[in-house]
Amino acid sequence: MSQEKTRYSDSELEEFKILIKEKLKEAQEDYAMLKGSLSNSDNHGTDDTGRTFNMMEDGSETLSREEVAQLGARQEKFIQNLQSALMRIENKTYGICRVTGKLIQKERLRLVPHATLSIDAKNAQK
């Protein structure tokens, strides 16, 4: 009788750790860029050029800043989720579905490395 795996091996966890660290680095770079665009630190020195008043432009700029702020918040949450995934790797609990207690498929973890639910558990939520 074959015994079902209850956790990923150390070598498999190391593979996921490398993947997550790469994604984390990219996410942090994107987040820094979003923060920079919100703080206007990347305005290329054009902030003192004469701006003509136009209410449509102001509204559009406000909407754009709100969208960037939302993207920044989502990116920050993504970074936190990736960091949590790294903690689960250190604790050797990474890849275990928090609902079923079974291993999450490797294919899912490669696509969504911070996943804490198996496909079955995720579908059952809907």
Protein backbone atom coordinates (compact mmCIF):
# COMPACT_ATOMS: atom_id res chain seq x y z
CA MET A 1 0.00 0.00 0.00
CA SER A 2 1.51 3.33 -1.06
CA GLN A 3 1.57 6.06 1.52
CA GLU A 4 0.39 9.50 0.44
CA LYS A 5 2.95 12.30 0.85
CA THR A 6 2.15 14.68 3.68
CA ARG A 7 4.69 17.36 2.77
CA TYR A 8 7.13 18.31 0.05
CA SER A 9 10.76 17.16 0.35
CA ASP A 10 13.51 19.60 1.29
CA SER A 11 14.76 19.65 -2.32
CA GLU A 12 11.25 20.42 -3.59
CA LEU A 13 10.88 23.16 -0.98
CA GLU A 14 14.21 24.62 -2.10
CA GLU A 15 12.93 24.70 -5.70
CA PHE A 16 9.84 26.63 -4.58
CA LYS A 17 11.96 28.93 -2.40
CA ILE A 18 14.02 29.97 -5.44
CA LEU A 19 10.86 30.57 -7.47
CA ILE A 20 9.27 32.64 -4.71
CA LYS A 21 12.41 34.73 -4.14
CA GLU A 22 12.52 35.59 -7.85
CA LYS A 23 8.85 36.60 -7.81
CA LEU A 24 9.39 38.56 -4.60
CA LYS A 25 12.27 40.52 -6.12
CA GLU A 26 10.16 41.40 -9.18
CA ALA A 27 7.19 42.35 -7.00
CA GLN A 28 9.33 44.62 -4.81
CA GLU A 29 10.76 46.36 -7.88
CA ASP A 30 7.25 46.90 -9.27
CA TYR A 31 6.05 48.17 -5.89
CA ALA A 32 8.93 50.64 -5.67
CA MET A 33 8.07 51.90 -9.16
CA LEU A 34 4.41 52.36 -8.20
CA LYS A 35 5.36 54.19 -5.02
CA GLY A 36 7.69 56.39 -7.04
CA SER A 37 4.96 57.35 -9.45
CA LEU A 38 2.63 58.21 -6.58
CA SER A 39 5.17 60.42 -4.84
CA ASN A 40 6.10 62.08 -8.15
CA SER A 41 9.73 61.27 -7.49
CA ASP A 42 9.93 60.12 -11.09
CA ASN A 43 8.60 63.30 -12.70
CA HIS A 44 11.88 63.84 -14.58
CA GLY A 45 12.10 67.43 -13.38
CA THR A 46 8.99 68.59 -15.19
CA ASP A 47 6.97 69.51 -12.10
CA ASP A 48 7.78 73.21 -12.49
CA THR A 49 6.80 73.51 -16.13
CA GLY A 50 3.84 75.80 -16.59
CA ARG A 51 0.65 73.80 -16.32
CA THR A 52 -2.55 75.10 -17.80
CA PHE A 53 -5.63 74.59 -15.70
CA ASN A 54 -8.02 72.05 -17.10
CA MET A 55 -10.61 70.35 -14.90
CA MET A 56 -10.80 67.29 -17.15
CA GLU A 57 -7.07 66.76 -16.83
CA ASP A 58 -7.23 67.17 -13.06
CA GLY A 59 -10.02 64.59 -12.80
CA SER A 60 -8.16 62.20 -15.03
CA GLU A 61 -4.97 62.65 -13.02
CA THR A 62 -6.84 61.98 -9.77
CA LEU A 63 -8.40 58.83 -11.21
CA SER A 64 -5.03 57.69 -12.46
CA ARG A 65 -3.43 58.28 -9.05
CA GLU A 66 -6.24 56.30 -7.38
CA GLU A 67 -5.67 53.42 -9.79
CA VAL A 68 -1.95 53.47 -9.09
CA ALA A 69 -2.67 53.52 -5.35
CA GLN A 70 -4.93 50.47 -5.73
CA LEU A 71 -2.27 48.69 -7.76
CA GLY A 72 0.26 49.55 -5.06
CA ALA A 73 -1.99 48.12 -2.34
CA ARG A 74 -2.48 44.91 -4.32
CA GLN A 75 1.25 44.65 -4.93
CA GLU A 76 1.97 45.17 -1.23
CA LYS A 77 -0.47 42.37 -0.35
CA PHE A 78 1.16 40.11 -2.97
CA ILE A 79 4.58 40.78 -1.40
CA GLN A 80 3.22 39.92 2.06
CA ASN A 81 1.72 36.68 0.69
CA LEU A 82 5.05 35.72 -0.89
CA GLN A 83 6.87 36.46 2.37
CA SER A 84 4.35 34.29 4.21
CA ALA A 85 5.00 31.51 1.70
CA LEU A 86 8.72 31.74 2.47
CA MET A 87 7.91 31.39 6.18
CA ARG A 88 5.85 28.27 5.42
CA ILE A 89 8.83 26.85 3.53
CA GLU A 90 11.05 27.45 6.56
CA ASN A 91 8.43 25.77 8.77
CA LYS A 92 8.11 22.93 6.23
CA THR A 93 4.36 23.51 5.96
CA TYR A 94 4.50 25.00 2.46
CA GLY A 95 2.20 23.45 -0.12
CA ILE A 96 -0.23 21.94 2.36
CA CYS A 97 -3.86 22.97 1.81
CA ARG A 98 -5.18 24.74 4.90
CA VAL A 99 -8.64 23.23 4.39
CA THR A 100 -8.01 19.64 3.31
CA GLY A 101 -4.55 19.13 4.81
CA LYS A 102 -3.43 17.50 1.56
CA LEU A 103 -0.62 18.62 -0.71
CA ILE A 104 -1.43 21.33 -3.23
CA GLN A 105 -0.45 20.26 -6.75
CA LYS A 106 2.99 21.42 -7.87
CA GLU A 107 1.54 22.89 -11.06
CA ARG A 108 -0.73 25.15 -9.01
CA LEU A 109 2.13 26.23 -6.76
CA ARG A 110 4.30 27.07 -9.75
CA LEU A 111 1.54 29.35 -11.08
CA VAL A 112 0.41 30.72 -7.71
CA PRO A 113 3.37 30.18 -5.37
CA HIS A 114 1.62 31.78 -2.41
CA ALA A 115 -1.46 29.51 -2.67
CA THR A 116 -2.73 28.05 0.59
CA LEU A 117 -5.71 26.20 -0.89
CA SER A 118 -5.87 23.27 -3.27
CA ILE A 119 -7.99 23.61 -6.39
CA ASP A 120 -10.73 21.48 -4.79
CA ALA A 121 -10.81 23.64 -1.66
CA LYS A 122 -10.76 26.86 -3.73
CA ASN A 123 -13.66 25.64 -5.90
CA ALA A 124 -15.63 24.61 -2.82
CA GLN A 125 -15.42 28.21 -1.55
CA LYS A 126 -17.34 29.56 -4.54
